Amino acid sequence: MGILSWIVLGLLAGLIAKAIRPGADPGGWIVTILIGIGGGILGGWIGSLLGWGTVDEFSLRTLLLAIGGALIILWIYALMKKK
């Protein structure tokens, strides 16, 4: 996928993850996009480790992996900001 596709996927994953895990997490829409992109990378890496193949196309599976990764990153981000 091109960089623009990763940004769009990251935006979607970040927004959905933020909706699933609402709260007083710091950061605006730019942080949400960055968390979503990081979540896409993390989700793709985890999916590759589990043998689910590589993330090279936009599908429901890639979106779910990106959302899962974004939720993990949001959780870690919130833990780091509390300290």
PDB file of N, CA and C in Angstrom:
ATOM      1  N   MET A   1       0.852  -1.177   0.000  1.00  0.00           N
ATOM      2  CA  MET A   1       0.000   0.000   0.000  1.00  0.00           C
ATOM      3  C   MET A   1       0.890   1.230   0.000  1.00  0.00           C
ATOM      4  N   GLY A   2       0.420   2.256  -0.639  1.00  0.00           N
ATOM      5  CA  GLY A   2       1.164   3.494  -0.662  1.00  0.00           C
ATOM      6  C   GLY A   2       1.061   4.228   0.662  1.00  0.00           C
ATOM      7  N   ILE A   3       1.881   5.242   0.822  1.00  0.00           N
ATOM      8  CA  ILE A   3       1.912   5.997   2.072  1.00  0.00           C
ATOM      9  C   ILE A   3       0.570   6.673   2.345  1.00  0.00           C
ATOM     10  N   LEU A   4      -0.106   7.139   1.304  1.00  0.00           N
ATOM     11  CA  LEU A   4      -1.412   7.771   1.491  1.00  0.00           C
ATOM     12  C   LEU A   4      -2.433   6.759   2.005  1.00  0.00           C
ATOM     13  N   SER A   5      -2.364   5.537   1.499  1.00  0.00           N
ATOM     14  CA  SER A   5      -3.270   4.488   1.981  1.00  0.00           C
ATOM     15  C   SER A   5      -3.009   4.171   3.453  1.00  0.00           C
ATOM     16  N   TRP A   6      -1.730   4.142   3.852  1.00  0.00           N
ATOM     17  CA  TRP A   6      -1.404   3.882   5.262  1.00  0.00           C
ATOM     18  C   TRP A   6      -1.908   5.006   6.152  1.00  0.00           C
ATOM     19  N   ILE A   7      -1.835   6.259   5.668  1.00  0.00           N
ATOM     20  CA  ILE A   7      -2.328   7.387   6.452  1.00  0.00           C
ATOM     21  C   ILE A   7      -3.839   7.299   6.613  1.00  0.00           C
ATOM     22  N   VAL A   8      -4.546   6.968   5.523  1.00  0.00           N
ATOM     23  CA  VAL A   8      -6.002   6.826   5.605  1.00  0.00           C
ATOM     24  C   VAL A   8      -6.376   5.658   6.521  1.00  0.00           C
ATOM     25  N   LEU A   9      -5.697   4.528   6.363  1.00  0.00           N
ATOM     26  CA  LEU A   9      -5.947   3.380   7.237  1.00  0.00           C
ATOM     27  C   LEU A   9      -5.633   3.746   8.689  1.00  0.00           C
ATOM     28  N   GLY A  10      -4.549   4.471   8.899  1.00  0.00           N
ATOM     29  CA  GLY A  10      -4.185   4.906  10.247  1.00  0.00           C
ATOM     30  C   GLY A  10      -5.210   5.837  10.849  1.00  0.00           C
ATOM     31  N   LEU A  11      -5.726   6.751  10.044  1.00  0.00           N
ATOM     32  CA  LEU A  11      -6.764   7.663  10.524  1.00  0.00           C
ATOM     33  C   LEU A  11      -7.998   6.875  10.944  1.00  0.00           C
ATOM     34  N   LEU A  12      -8.434   5.970  10.090  1.00  0.00           N
ATOM     35  CA  LEU A  12      -9.606   5.149  10.429  1.00  0.00           C
ATOM     36  C   LEU A  12      -9.363   4.310  11.682  1.00  0.00           C
ATOM     37  N   ALA A  13      -8.218   3.653  11.730  1.00  0.00           N
ATOM     38  CA  ALA A  13      -7.914   2.804  12.885  1.00  0.00           C
ATOM     39  C   ALA A  13      -7.802   3.638  14.155  1.00  0.00           C
ATOM     40  N   GLY A  14      -7.164   4.786  14.075  1.00  0.00           N
ATOM     41  CA  GLY A  14      -7.025   5.648  15.246  1.00  0.00           C
ATOM     42  C   GLY A  14      -8.359   6.171  15.740  1.00  0.00           C
ATOM     43  N   LEU A  15      -9.215   6.593  14.814  1.00  0.00           N
ATOM     44  CA  LEU A  15     -10.537   7.095  15.207  1.00  0.00           C
ATOM     45  C   LEU A  15     -11.397   5.998  15.821  1.00  0.00           C
ATOM     46  N   ILE A  16     -11.366   4.814  15.225  1.00  0.00           N
ATOM     47  CA  ILE A  16     -12.164   3.704  15.764  1.00  0.00           C
ATOM     48  C   ILE A  16     -11.616   3.269  17.122  1.00  0.00           C
ATOM     49  N   ALA A  17     -10.294   3.193  17.248  1.00  0.00           N
ATOM     50  CA  ALA A  17      -9.700   2.817  18.528  1.00  0.00           C
ATOM     51  C   ALA A  17     -10.016   3.849  19.602  1.00  0.00           C
ATOM     52  N   LYS A  18     -10.004   5.131  19.234  1.00  0.00           N
ATOM     53  CA  LYS A  18     -10.329   6.195  20.185  1.00  0.00           C
ATOM     54  C   LYS A  18     -11.796   6.110  20.599  1.00  0.00           C
ATOM     55  N   ALA A  19     -12.676   5.713  19.675  1.00  0.00           N
ATOM     56  CA  ALA A  19     -14.090   5.550  20.000  1.00  0.00           C
ATOM     57  C   ALA A  19     -14.317   4.335  20.899  1.00  0.00           C
ATOM     58  N   ILE A  20     -13.539   3.263  20.676  1.00  0.00           N
ATOM     59  CA  ILE A  20     -13.661   2.067  21.504  1.00  0.00           C
ATOM     60  C   ILE A  20     -13.145   2.356  22.905  1.00  0.00           C
ATOM     61  N   ARG A  21     -12.066   3.109  22.993  1.00  0.00           N
ATOM     62  CA  ARG A  21     -11.432   3.418  24.273  1.00  0.00           C
ATOM     63  C   ARG A  21     -11.437   4.922  24.496  1.00  0.00           C
ATOM     64  N   PRO A  22     -12.625   5.482  24.802  1.00  0.00           N
ATOM     65  CA  PRO A  22     -12.675   6.926  25.029  1.00  0.00           C
ATOM     66  C   PRO A  22     -12.064   7.270  26.379  1.00  0.00           C
ATOM     67  N   GLY A  23     -11.765   8.496  26.541  1.00  0.00           N
ATOM     68  CA  GLY A  23     -11.196   8.933  27.805  1.00  0.00           C
ATOM     69  C   GLY A  23     -10.453  10.230  27.619  1.00  0.00           C
ATOM     70  N   ALA A  24      -9.743  10.595  28.633  1.00  0.00           N
ATOM     71  CA  ALA A  24      -9.032  11.870  28.644  1.00  0.00           C
ATOM     72  C   ALA A  24      -7.606  11.709  28.138  1.00  0.00           C
ATOM     73  N   ASP A  25      -7.416  10.893  27.117  1.00  0.00           N
ATOM     74  CA  ASP A  25      -6.086  10.744  26.544  1.00  0.00           C
ATOM     75  C   ASP A  25      -5.678  12.054  25.885  1.00  0.00           C
ATOM     76  N   PRO A  26      -4.461  12.504  26.145  1.00  0.00           N
ATOM     77  CA  PRO A  26      -4.020  13.750  25.535  1.00  0.00           C
ATOM     78  C   PRO A  26      -3.755  13.565  24.044  1.00  0.00           C
ATOM     79  N   GLY A  27      -3.898  14.641  23.315  1.00  0.00           N
ATOM     80  CA  GLY A  27      -3.592  14.595  21.888  1.00  0.00           C
ATOM     81  C   GLY A  27      -4.812  14.880  21.049  1.00  0.00           C
ATOM     82  N   GLY A  28      -4.595  15.510  19.940  1.00  0.00           N
ATOM     83  CA  GLY A  28      -5.666  15.830  19.015  1.00  0.00           C
ATOM     84  C   GLY A  28      -5.678  14.867  17.851  1.00  0.00           C
ATOM     85  N   TRP A  29      -6.157  15.351  16.734  1.00  0.00           N
ATOM     86  CA  TRP A  29      -6.326  14.487  15.573  1.00  0.00           C
ATOM     87  C   TRP A  29      -5.000  14.035  14.984  1.00  0.00           C
ATOM     88  N   ILE A  30      -3.956  14.851  15.088  1.00  0.00           N
ATOM     89  CA  ILE A  30      -2.651  14.439  14.570  1.00  0.00           C
ATOM     90  C   ILE A  30      -2.113  13.265  15.372  1.00  0.00           C
ATOM     91  N   VAL A  31      -2.240  13.330  16.693  1.00  0.00           N
ATOM     92  CA  VAL A  31      -1.796  12.224  17.541  1.00  0.00           C
ATOM     93  C   VAL A  31      -2.636  10.993  17.258  1.00  0.00           C
ATOM     94  N   THR A  32      -3.937  11.180  17.006  1.00  0.00           N
ATOM     95  CA  THR A  32      -4.808  10.052  16.679  1.00  0.00           C
ATOM     96  C   THR A  32      -4.349   9.370  15.393  1.00  0.00           C
ATOM     97  N   ILE A  33      -3.983  10.169  14.385  1.00  0.00           N
ATOM     98  CA  ILE A  33      -3.490   9.592  13.131  1.00  0.00           C
ATOM     99  C   ILE A  33      -2.183   8.857  13.370  1.00  0.00           C
ATOM    100  N   LEU A  34      -1.275   9.462  14.119  1.00  0.00           N
ATOM    101  CA  LEU A  34       0.018   8.826  14.381  1.00  0.00           C
ATOM    102  C   LEU A  34      -0.146   7.528  15.163  1.00  0.00           C
ATOM    103  N   ILE A  35      -1.038   7.540  16.138  1.00  0.00           N
ATOM    104  CA  ILE A  35      -1.312   6.321  16.902  1.00  0.00           C
ATOM    105  C   ILE A  35      -1.926   5.267  15.983  1.00  0.00           C
ATOM    106  N   GLY A  36      -2.815   5.682  15.097  1.00  0.00           N
ATOM    107  CA  GLY A  36      -3.413   4.734  14.152  1.00  0.00           C
ATOM    108  C   GLY A  36      -2.392   4.140  13.195  1.00  0.00           C
ATOM    109  N   ILE A  37      -1.475   4.971  12.686  1.00  0.00           N
ATOM    110  CA  ILE A  37      -0.438   4.470  11.790  1.00  0.00           C
ATOM    111  C   ILE A  37       0.478   3.516  12.550  1.00  0.00           C
ATOM    112  N   GLY A  38       0.870   3.909  13.759  1.00  0.00           N
ATOM    113  CA  GLY A  38       1.680   3.014  14.591  1.00  0.00           C
ATOM    114  C   GLY A  38       0.931   1.729  14.895  1.00  0.00           C
ATOM    115  N   GLY A  39      -0.378   1.842  15.112  1.00  0.00           N
ATOM    116  CA  GLY A  39      -1.196   0.657  15.356  1.00  0.00           C
ATOM    117  C   GLY A  39      -1.259  -0.243  14.143  1.00  0.00           C
ATOM    118  N   GLY A  40      -1.300   0.351  12.967  1.00  0.00           N
ATOM    119  CA  GLY A  40      -1.283  -0.447  11.740  1.00  0.00           C
ATOM    120  C   GLY A  40       0.011  -1.219  11.594  1.00  0.00           C
ATOM    121  N   ILE A  41       1.105  -0.564  11.916  1.00  0.00           N
ATOM    122  CA  ILE A  41       2.411  -1.231  11.851  1.00  0.00           C
ATOM    123  C   ILE A  41       2.489  -2.342  12.895  1.00  0.00           C
ATOM    124  N   LEU A  42       2.091  -2.020  14.127  1.00  0.00           N
ATOM    125  CA  LEU A  42       2.118  -3.018  15.202  1.00  0.00           C
ATOM    126  C   LEU A  42       1.174  -4.179  14.891  1.00  0.00           C
ATOM    127  N   GLY A  43      -0.029  -3.867  14.431  1.00  0.00           N
ATOM    128  CA  GLY A  43      -0.992  -4.913  14.100  1.00  0.00           C
ATOM    129  C   GLY A  43      -0.499  -5.801  12.965  1.00  0.00           C
ATOM    130  N   GLY A  44       0.129  -5.207  11.967  1.00  0.00           N
ATOM    131  CA  GLY A  44       0.693  -5.986  10.867  1.00  0.00           C
ATOM    132  C   GLY A  44       1.816  -6.881  11.329  1.00  0.00           C
ATOM    133  N   TRP A  45       2.632  -6.371  12.236  1.00  0.00           N
ATOM    134  CA  TRP A  45       3.732  -7.166  12.775  1.00  0.00           C
ATOM    135  C   TRP A  45       3.201  -8.346  13.584  1.00  0.00           C
ATOM    136  N   ILE A  46       2.205  -8.079  14.439  1.00  0.00           N
ATOM    137  CA  ILE A  46       1.608  -9.150  15.241  1.00  0.00           C
ATOM    138  C   ILE A  46       0.936 -10.183  14.333  1.00  0.00           C
ATOM    139  N   GLY A  47       0.222  -9.708  13.310  1.00  0.00           N
ATOM    140  CA  GLY A  47      -0.423 -10.624  12.369  1.00  0.00           C
ATOM    141  C   GLY A  47       0.586 -11.494  11.636  1.00  0.00           C
ATOM    142  N   SER A  48       1.733 -10.911  11.284  1.00  0.00           N
ATOM    143  CA  SER A  48       2.787 -11.690  10.622  1.00  0.00           C
ATOM    144  C   SER A  48       3.363 -12.737  11.564  1.00  0.00           C
ATOM    145  N   LEU A  49       3.548 -12.370  12.838  1.00  0.00           N
ATOM    146  CA  LEU A  49       4.071 -13.324  13.820  1.00  0.00           C
ATOM    147  C   LEU A  49       3.111 -14.490  14.045  1.00  0.00           C
ATOM    148  N   LEU A  50       1.814 -14.211  13.986  1.00  0.00           N
ATOM    149  CA  LEU A  50       0.820 -15.251  14.204  1.00  0.00           C
ATOM    150  C   LEU A  50       0.554 -16.081  12.953  1.00  0.00           C
ATOM    151  N   GLY A  51       1.221 -15.725  11.857  1.00  0.00           N
ATOM    152  CA  GLY A  51       1.065 -16.493  10.637  1.00  0.00           C
ATOM    153  C   GLY A  51      -0.151 -16.128   9.814  1.00  0.00           C
ATOM    154  N   TRP A  52      -0.682 -14.937  10.018  1.00  0.00           N
ATOM    155  CA  TRP A  52      -1.856 -14.491   9.271  1.00  0.00           C
ATOM    156  C   TRP A  52      -1.465 -13.826   7.962  1.00  0.00           C
ATOM    157  N   GLY A  53      -0.215 -13.912   7.582  1.00  0.00           N
ATOM    158  CA  GLY A  53       0.244 -13.327   6.330  1.00  0.00           C
ATOM    159  C   GLY A  53       0.713 -11.900   6.529  1.00  0.00           C
ATOM    160  N   THR A  54       1.098 -11.302   5.433  1.00  0.00           N
ATOM    161  CA  THR A  54       1.577  -9.930   5.490  1.00  0.00           C
ATOM    162  C   THR A  54       0.428  -8.970   5.225  1.00  0.00           C
ATOM    163  N   VAL A  55       0.613  -7.758   5.638  1.00  0.00           N
ATOM    164  CA  VAL A  55      -0.398  -6.722   5.428  1.00  0.00           C
ATOM    165  C   VAL A  55       0.016  -5.937   4.192  1.00  0.00           C
ATOM    166  N   ASP A  56      -0.546  -6.310   3.055  1.00  0.00           N
ATOM    167  CA  ASP A  56      -0.177  -5.630   1.820  1.00  0.00           C
ATOM    168  C   ASP A  56      -1.386  -5.149   1.029  1.00  0.00           C
ATOM    169  N   GLU A  57      -2.549  -5.198   1.633  1.00  0.00           N
ATOM    170  CA  GLU A  57      -3.764  -4.752   0.957  1.00  0.00           C
ATOM    171  C   GLU A  57      -4.736  -4.209   1.987  1.00  0.00           C
ATOM    172  N   PHE A  58      -5.669  -3.401   1.546  1.00  0.00           N
ATOM    173  CA  PHE A  58      -6.690  -2.874   2.435  1.00  0.00           C
ATOM    174  C   PHE A  58      -7.854  -3.845   2.462  1.00  0.00           C
ATOM    175  N   SER A  59      -8.106  -4.408   3.631  1.00  0.00           N
ATOM    176  CA  SER A  59      -9.221  -5.338   3.800  1.00  0.00           C
ATOM    177  C   SER A  59      -9.718  -5.218   5.235  1.00  0.00           C
ATOM    178  N   LEU A  60     -10.759  -5.943   5.539  1.00  0.00           N
ATOM    179  CA  LEU A  60     -11.297  -5.930   6.900  1.00  0.00           C
ATOM    180  C   LEU A  60     -10.262  -6.456   7.887  1.00  0.00           C
ATOM    181  N   ARG A  61      -9.516  -7.468   7.467  1.00  0.00           N
ATOM    182  CA  ARG A  61      -8.480  -8.039   8.342  1.00  0.00           C
ATOM    183  C   ARG A  61      -7.413  -7.003   8.677  1.00  0.00           C
ATOM    184  N   THR A  62      -6.951  -6.244   7.666  1.00  0.00           N
ATOM    185  CA  THR A  62      -5.923  -5.237   7.936  1.00  0.00           C
ATOM    186  C   THR A  62      -6.469  -4.127   8.817  1.00  0.00           C
ATOM    187  N   LEU A  63      -7.737  -3.762   8.621  1.00  0.00           N
ATOM    188  CA  LEU A  63      -8.338  -2.733   9.462  1.00  0.00           C
ATOM    189  C   LEU A  63      -8.444  -3.214  10.909  1.00  0.00           C
ATOM    190  N   LEU A  64      -8.861  -4.460  11.108  1.00  0.00           N
ATOM    191  CA  LEU A  64      -8.971  -5.002  12.463  1.00  0.00           C
ATOM    192  C   LEU A  64      -7.605  -5.126  13.135  1.00  0.00           C
ATOM    193  N   LEU A  65      -6.594  -5.533  12.379  1.00  0.00           N
ATOM    194  CA  LEU A  65      -5.242  -5.598  12.930  1.00  0.00           C
ATOM    195  C   LEU A  65      -4.747  -4.203  13.312  1.00  0.00           C
ATOM    196  N   ALA A  66      -5.024  -3.221  12.466  1.00  0.00           N
ATOM    197  CA  ALA A  66      -4.607  -1.850  12.757  1.00  0.00           C
ATOM    198  C   ALA A  66      -5.338  -1.301  13.977  1.00  0.00           C
ATOM    199  N   ILE A  67      -6.623  -1.587  14.106  1.00  0.00           N
ATOM    200  CA  ILE A  67      -7.388  -1.125  15.270  1.00  0.00           C
ATOM    201  C   ILE A  67      -6.855  -1.780  16.535  1.00  0.00           C
ATOM    202  N   GLY A  68      -6.585  -3.074  16.488  1.00  0.00           N
ATOM    203  CA  GLY A  68      -6.014  -3.768  17.650  1.00  0.00           C
ATOM    204  C   GLY A  68      -4.672  -3.189  18.045  1.00  0.00           C
ATOM    205  N   GLY A  69      -3.822  -2.936  17.065  1.00  0.00           N
ATOM    206  CA  GLY A  69      -2.529  -2.317  17.347  1.00  0.00           C
ATOM    207  C   GLY A  69      -2.682  -0.917  17.903  1.00  0.00           C
ATOM    208  N   ALA A  70      -3.634  -0.147  17.360  1.00  0.00           N
ATOM    209  CA  ALA A  70      -3.868   1.214  17.859  1.00  0.00           C
ATOM    210  C   ALA A  70      -4.386   1.196  19.294  1.00  0.00           C
ATOM    211  N   LEU A  71      -5.225   0.226  19.626  1.00  0.00           N
ATOM    212  CA  LEU A  71      -5.707   0.104  21.010  1.00  0.00           C
ATOM    213  C   LEU A  71      -4.551  -0.186  21.965  1.00  0.00           C
ATOM    214  N   ILE A  72      -3.635  -1.045  21.546  1.00  0.00           N
ATOM    215  CA  ILE A  72      -2.467  -1.342  22.376  1.00  0.00           C
ATOM    216  C   ILE A  72      -1.626  -0.083  22.573  1.00  0.00           C
ATOM    217  N   ILE A  73      -1.402   0.652  21.485  1.00  0.00           N
ATOM    218  CA  ILE A  73      -0.593   1.872  21.588  1.00  0.00           C
ATOM    219  C   ILE A  73      -1.306   2.934  22.414  1.00  0.00           C
ATOM    220  N   LEU A  74      -2.628   3.081  22.263  1.00  0.00           N
ATOM    221  CA  LEU A  74      -3.379   4.036  23.095  1.00  0.00           C
ATOM    222  C   LEU A  74      -3.253   3.683  24.571  1.00  0.00           C
ATOM    223  N   TRP A  75      -3.325   2.407  24.887  1.00  0.00           N
ATOM    224  CA  TRP A  75      -3.217   1.965  26.274  1.00  0.00           C
ATOM    225  C   TRP A  75      -1.832   2.302  26.831  1.00  0.00           C
ATOM    226  N   ILE A  76      -0.790   2.005  26.058  1.00  0.00           N
ATOM    227  CA  ILE A  76       0.583   2.316  26.493  1.00  0.00           C
ATOM    228  C   ILE A  76       0.781   3.817  26.606  1.00  0.00           C
ATOM    229  N   TYR A  77       0.258   4.573  25.657  1.00  0.00           N
ATOM    230  CA  TYR A  77       0.373   6.038  25.655  1.00  0.00           C
ATOM    231  C   TYR A  77      -0.291   6.638  26.896  1.00  0.00           C
ATOM    232  N   ALA A  78      -1.468   6.120  27.231  1.00  0.00           N
ATOM    233  CA  ALA A  78      -2.170   6.621  28.426  1.00  0.00           C
ATOM    234  C   ALA A  78      -1.394   6.283  29.691  1.00  0.00           C
ATOM    235  N   LEU A  79      -0.787   5.099  29.755  1.00  0.00           N
ATOM    236  CA  LEU A  79       0.027   4.734  30.923  1.00  0.00           C
ATOM    237  C   LEU A  79       1.237   5.639  31.071  1.00  0.00           C
ATOM    238  N   MET A  80       1.871   5.977  29.943  1.00  0.00           N
ATOM    239  CA  MET A  80       3.053   6.829  29.985  1.00  0.00           C
ATOM    240  C   MET A  80       2.709   8.263  30.370  1.00  0.00           C
ATOM    241  N   LYS A  81       1.549   8.753  29.948  1.00  0.00           N
ATOM    242  CA  LYS A  81       1.158  10.124  30.238  1.00  0.00           C
ATOM    243  C   LYS A  81       0.675  10.311  31.666  1.00  0.00           C
ATOM    244  N   LYS A  82       0.284   9.225  32.340  1.00  0.00           N
ATOM    245  CA  LYS A  82      -0.160   9.320  33.724  1.00  0.00           C
ATOM    246  C   LYS A  82       0.993   9.611  34.673  1.00  0.00           C
ATOM    247  N   LYS A  83       2.191   9.192  34.291  1.00  0.00           N
ATOM    248  CA  LYS A  83       3.344   9.344  35.177  1.00  0.00           C
ATOM    249  C   LYS A  83       3.922  10.716  35.110  1.00  0.00           C
TER     250      LYS A  83
END
